[in-house]
N, C-alpha and C. Protein backbone atom coordinates (compact mmCIF):
# COMPACT_ATOMS: atom_id res chain seq x y z
N MET A 1 16.40 -116.95 -73.24
CA MET A 1 16.24 -115.94 -74.26
C MET A 1 16.09 -114.58 -73.59
N VAL A 2 16.75 -113.58 -74.15
CA VAL A 2 16.75 -112.24 -73.57
C VAL A 2 15.56 -111.45 -74.12
N GLU A 3 14.82 -110.84 -73.22
CA GLU A 3 13.68 -110.00 -73.59
C GLU A 3 14.20 -108.70 -74.21
N PRO A 4 13.65 -108.26 -75.37
CA PRO A 4 14.10 -107.00 -75.96
C PRO A 4 13.74 -105.82 -75.06
N THR A 5 14.60 -104.82 -75.09
CA THR A 5 14.36 -103.63 -74.27
C THR A 5 13.21 -102.82 -74.88
N ARG A 6 12.73 -101.88 -74.11
CA ARG A 6 11.62 -101.05 -74.58
C ARG A 6 12.04 -100.25 -75.80
N ARG A 7 13.27 -99.77 -75.81
CA ARG A 7 13.76 -98.99 -76.95
C ARG A 7 13.81 -99.85 -78.21
N GLU A 8 14.24 -101.09 -78.07
CA GLU A 8 14.29 -102.00 -79.22
C GLU A 8 12.90 -102.29 -79.76
N ARG A 9 11.92 -102.41 -78.86
CA ARG A 9 10.56 -102.69 -79.30
C ARG A 9 9.91 -101.49 -79.96
N LEU A 10 10.29 -100.28 -79.57
CA LEU A 10 9.67 -99.07 -80.12
C LEU A 10 10.39 -98.52 -81.34
N ARG A 11 11.52 -99.10 -81.72
CA ARG A 11 12.28 -98.60 -82.86
C ARG A 11 11.46 -98.58 -84.15
N PRO A 12 10.71 -99.62 -84.49
CA PRO A 12 9.90 -99.53 -85.72
C PRO A 12 8.86 -98.41 -85.66
N VAL A 13 8.32 -98.14 -84.49
CA VAL A 13 7.35 -97.05 -84.35
C VAL A 13 8.02 -95.71 -84.61
N GLU A 14 9.26 -95.57 -84.18
CA GLU A 14 10.00 -94.34 -84.44
C GLU A 14 10.17 -94.11 -85.93
N PHE A 15 10.48 -95.16 -86.67
CA PHE A 15 10.65 -95.04 -88.12
C PHE A 15 9.34 -94.63 -88.78
N ILE A 16 8.24 -95.22 -88.36
CA ILE A 16 6.95 -94.90 -88.95
C ILE A 16 6.55 -93.46 -88.63
N VAL A 17 6.82 -93.01 -87.41
CA VAL A 17 6.49 -91.63 -87.04
C VAL A 17 7.32 -90.64 -87.84
N MET A 18 8.62 -90.92 -88.01
CA MET A 18 9.46 -90.03 -88.82
C MET A 18 8.96 -89.96 -90.26
N ALA A 19 8.60 -91.11 -90.83
CA ALA A 19 8.08 -91.12 -92.20
C ALA A 19 6.75 -90.39 -92.28
N LEU A 20 5.93 -90.52 -91.26
CA LEU A 20 4.64 -89.83 -91.23
C LEU A 20 4.82 -88.32 -91.17
N ILE A 21 5.77 -87.85 -90.38
CA ILE A 21 6.04 -86.42 -90.28
C ILE A 21 6.50 -85.87 -91.62
N ILE A 22 7.40 -86.59 -92.28
CA ILE A 22 7.89 -86.16 -93.59
C ILE A 22 6.74 -86.13 -94.60
N ALA A 23 5.89 -87.16 -94.57
CA ALA A 23 4.77 -87.24 -95.52
C ALA A 23 3.76 -86.12 -95.28
N VAL A 24 3.49 -85.80 -94.03
CA VAL A 24 2.56 -84.70 -93.72
C VAL A 24 3.12 -83.38 -94.24
N PHE A 25 4.41 -83.18 -94.06
CA PHE A 25 5.04 -81.96 -94.57
C PHE A 25 4.90 -81.87 -96.09
N ILE A 26 5.18 -82.98 -96.77
CA ILE A 26 5.06 -83.00 -98.24
C ILE A 26 3.62 -82.73 -98.65
N GLY A 27 2.68 -83.38 -97.98
CA GLY A 27 1.27 -83.18 -98.31
C GLY A 27 0.83 -81.75 -98.10
N LEU A 28 1.28 -81.14 -97.00
CA LEU A 28 0.90 -79.74 -96.74
C LEU A 28 1.52 -78.78 -97.75
N VAL A 29 2.75 -79.04 -98.15
CA VAL A 29 3.39 -78.18 -99.15
C VAL A 29 2.64 -78.27 -100.48
N VAL A 30 2.29 -79.49 -100.90
CA VAL A 30 1.55 -79.65 -102.15
C VAL A 30 0.16 -79.02 -102.04
N LEU A 31 -0.51 -79.23 -100.91
CA LEU A 31 -1.84 -78.63 -100.72
C LEU A 31 -1.76 -77.11 -100.73
N GLY A 32 -0.75 -76.56 -100.08
CA GLY A 32 -0.61 -75.11 -100.05
C GLY A 32 -0.26 -74.50 -101.39
N SER A 33 0.44 -75.25 -102.22
CA SER A 33 0.85 -74.67 -103.50
C SER A 33 -0.15 -74.93 -104.62
N THR A 34 -0.90 -76.04 -104.57
CA THR A 34 -1.82 -76.34 -105.67
C THR A 34 -3.28 -76.18 -105.29
N ARG A 35 -3.61 -76.24 -104.01
CA ARG A 35 -4.99 -76.16 -103.51
C ARG A 35 -5.85 -77.34 -104.00
N GLU A 36 -5.21 -78.46 -104.36
CA GLU A 36 -5.93 -79.65 -104.78
C GLU A 36 -5.72 -80.74 -103.73
N VAL A 37 -6.82 -81.13 -103.08
CA VAL A 37 -6.75 -82.08 -101.98
C VAL A 37 -6.34 -83.47 -102.47
N VAL A 38 -6.87 -83.89 -103.61
CA VAL A 38 -6.56 -85.23 -104.12
C VAL A 38 -5.07 -85.33 -104.45
N LEU A 39 -4.54 -84.33 -105.09
CA LEU A 39 -3.11 -84.34 -105.42
C LEU A 39 -2.26 -84.33 -104.15
N ALA A 40 -2.68 -83.58 -103.14
CA ALA A 40 -1.95 -83.55 -101.88
C ALA A 40 -1.99 -84.91 -101.19
N LEU A 41 -3.14 -85.61 -101.27
CA LEU A 41 -3.23 -86.95 -100.68
C LEU A 41 -2.34 -87.95 -101.41
N VAL A 42 -2.28 -87.82 -102.73
CA VAL A 42 -1.41 -88.70 -103.51
C VAL A 42 0.05 -88.46 -103.11
N PHE A 43 0.46 -87.22 -103.03
CA PHE A 43 1.84 -86.92 -102.64
C PHE A 43 2.11 -87.34 -101.20
N PHE A 44 1.11 -87.21 -100.33
CA PHE A 44 1.25 -87.69 -98.96
C PHE A 44 1.53 -89.19 -98.94
N GLY A 45 0.75 -89.96 -99.68
CA GLY A 45 0.94 -91.41 -99.71
C GLY A 45 2.28 -91.81 -100.30
N VAL A 46 2.62 -91.21 -101.41
CA VAL A 46 3.90 -91.52 -102.05
C VAL A 46 5.05 -91.08 -101.14
N GLY A 47 4.94 -89.92 -100.54
CA GLY A 47 5.98 -89.43 -99.64
C GLY A 47 6.16 -90.32 -98.43
N PHE A 48 5.05 -90.84 -97.89
CA PHE A 48 5.13 -91.73 -96.75
C PHE A 48 5.86 -93.02 -97.11
N ILE A 49 5.48 -93.63 -98.21
CA ILE A 49 6.10 -94.89 -98.61
C ILE A 49 7.58 -94.70 -98.93
N VAL A 50 7.90 -93.68 -99.71
CA VAL A 50 9.29 -93.46 -100.08
C VAL A 50 10.14 -93.12 -98.86
N SER A 51 9.65 -92.26 -98.00
CA SER A 51 10.45 -91.90 -96.82
C SER A 51 10.61 -93.08 -95.87
N LEU A 52 9.59 -93.92 -95.74
CA LEU A 52 9.71 -95.10 -94.89
C LEU A 52 10.75 -96.07 -95.44
N VAL A 53 10.75 -96.28 -96.73
CA VAL A 53 11.74 -97.17 -97.35
C VAL A 53 13.15 -96.60 -97.19
N VAL A 54 13.31 -95.30 -97.41
CA VAL A 54 14.63 -94.68 -97.28
C VAL A 54 15.13 -94.76 -95.84
N ILE A 55 14.28 -94.48 -94.88
CA ILE A 55 14.68 -94.55 -93.47
C ILE A 55 15.06 -95.98 -93.10
N ALA A 56 14.29 -96.94 -93.56
CA ALA A 56 14.61 -98.35 -93.26
C ALA A 56 15.93 -98.76 -93.90
N MET A 57 16.18 -98.34 -95.11
CA MET A 57 17.44 -98.68 -95.78
C MET A 57 18.62 -98.02 -95.08
N LEU A 58 18.45 -96.80 -94.63
CA LEU A 58 19.52 -96.14 -93.89
C LEU A 58 19.77 -96.84 -92.55
N ALA A 59 18.72 -97.31 -91.91
CA ALA A 59 18.88 -98.03 -90.65
C ALA A 59 19.62 -99.35 -90.87
N LEU A 60 19.38 -99.99 -91.99
CA LEU A 60 20.08 -101.24 -92.30
C LEU A 60 21.56 -101.00 -92.60
N ALA A 61 21.89 -99.81 -93.08
CA ALA A 61 23.27 -99.50 -93.44
C ALA A 61 24.14 -99.18 -92.23
N VAL A 62 23.53 -98.93 -91.08
CA VAL A 62 24.29 -98.57 -89.89
C VAL A 62 24.96 -99.82 -89.33
N LYS A 63 26.23 -99.69 -89.03
CA LYS A 63 26.99 -100.81 -88.48
C LYS A 63 26.64 -100.97 -87.00
N PRO A 64 26.42 -102.22 -86.53
CA PRO A 64 26.07 -102.41 -85.12
C PRO A 64 27.22 -102.04 -84.19
N ASP A 65 26.88 -101.47 -83.02
CA ASP A 65 27.92 -101.12 -82.05
C ASP A 65 28.36 -102.38 -81.30
N ASP A 66 29.27 -102.22 -80.35
CA ASP A 66 29.85 -103.37 -79.64
C ASP A 66 28.80 -104.19 -78.90
N ALA A 67 27.86 -103.52 -78.23
CA ALA A 67 26.84 -104.24 -77.47
C ALA A 67 25.93 -105.05 -78.40
N GLU A 68 25.56 -104.45 -79.52
CA GLU A 68 24.72 -105.16 -80.48
C GLU A 68 25.47 -106.33 -81.10
N GLN A 69 26.76 -106.13 -81.41
CA GLN A 69 27.55 -107.20 -82.00
C GLN A 69 27.70 -108.36 -81.02
N GLN A 70 27.90 -108.04 -79.76
CA GLN A 70 28.02 -109.09 -78.74
C GLN A 70 26.70 -109.87 -78.63
N ASP A 71 25.58 -109.16 -78.67
CA ASP A 71 24.27 -109.83 -78.61
C ASP A 71 24.06 -110.73 -79.83
N LEU A 72 24.45 -110.24 -81.01
CA LEU A 72 24.34 -111.07 -82.21
C LEU A 72 25.22 -112.32 -82.12
N ASP A 73 26.43 -112.14 -81.58
CA ASP A 73 27.32 -113.29 -81.41
C ASP A 73 26.73 -114.32 -80.46
N GLU A 74 26.14 -113.84 -79.37
CA GLU A 74 25.53 -114.77 -78.41
C GLU A 74 24.36 -115.52 -79.03
N GLN A 75 23.55 -114.83 -79.82
CA GLN A 75 22.42 -115.48 -80.48
C GLN A 75 22.89 -116.52 -81.48
N ASN A 76 23.96 -116.21 -82.20
CA ASN A 76 24.48 -117.18 -83.17
C ASN A 76 25.05 -118.40 -82.50
N HIS A 77 25.70 -118.24 -81.35
CA HIS A 77 26.26 -119.38 -80.64
C HIS A 77 25.16 -120.26 -80.06
N GLU A 78 24.05 -119.65 -79.65
CA GLU A 78 22.93 -120.43 -79.12
C GLU A 78 22.32 -121.31 -80.20
N HIS A 79 22.32 -120.81 -81.45
CA HIS A 79 21.70 -121.57 -82.54
C HIS A 79 22.71 -122.37 -83.34
N GLY A 80 23.98 -122.31 -82.97
CA GLY A 80 25.01 -123.10 -83.64
C GLY A 80 25.52 -122.51 -84.93
N GLY A 81 25.25 -121.25 -85.20
CA GLY A 81 25.72 -120.60 -86.43
C GLY A 81 27.03 -119.89 -86.19
N SER A 82 27.57 -119.34 -87.29
CA SER A 82 28.82 -118.58 -87.17
C SER A 82 28.49 -117.10 -87.39
N THR A 83 29.40 -116.23 -86.97
CA THR A 83 29.16 -114.79 -87.07
C THR A 83 29.54 -114.24 -88.42
N HIS A 84 30.36 -114.93 -89.19
CA HIS A 84 30.80 -114.36 -90.48
C HIS A 84 30.55 -115.31 -91.61
């Protein structure tokens, strides 16, 4: 079995950090415009969840490159499955 690379292991963390940055921006904009902390926290939470789901869905929509496809093919052959 092939050990995942460091980049592959950190990819979920990258998605969470991107969603967190977007959510902080949304929260700060709401806080700056309304001056209500509770409302800003609500928008922060909703923004985090929505942005995380959107980023994950976009990541799923990306077609794997040649190296990833070859790795998927090798994994399927090891387990006796087919690629299509």
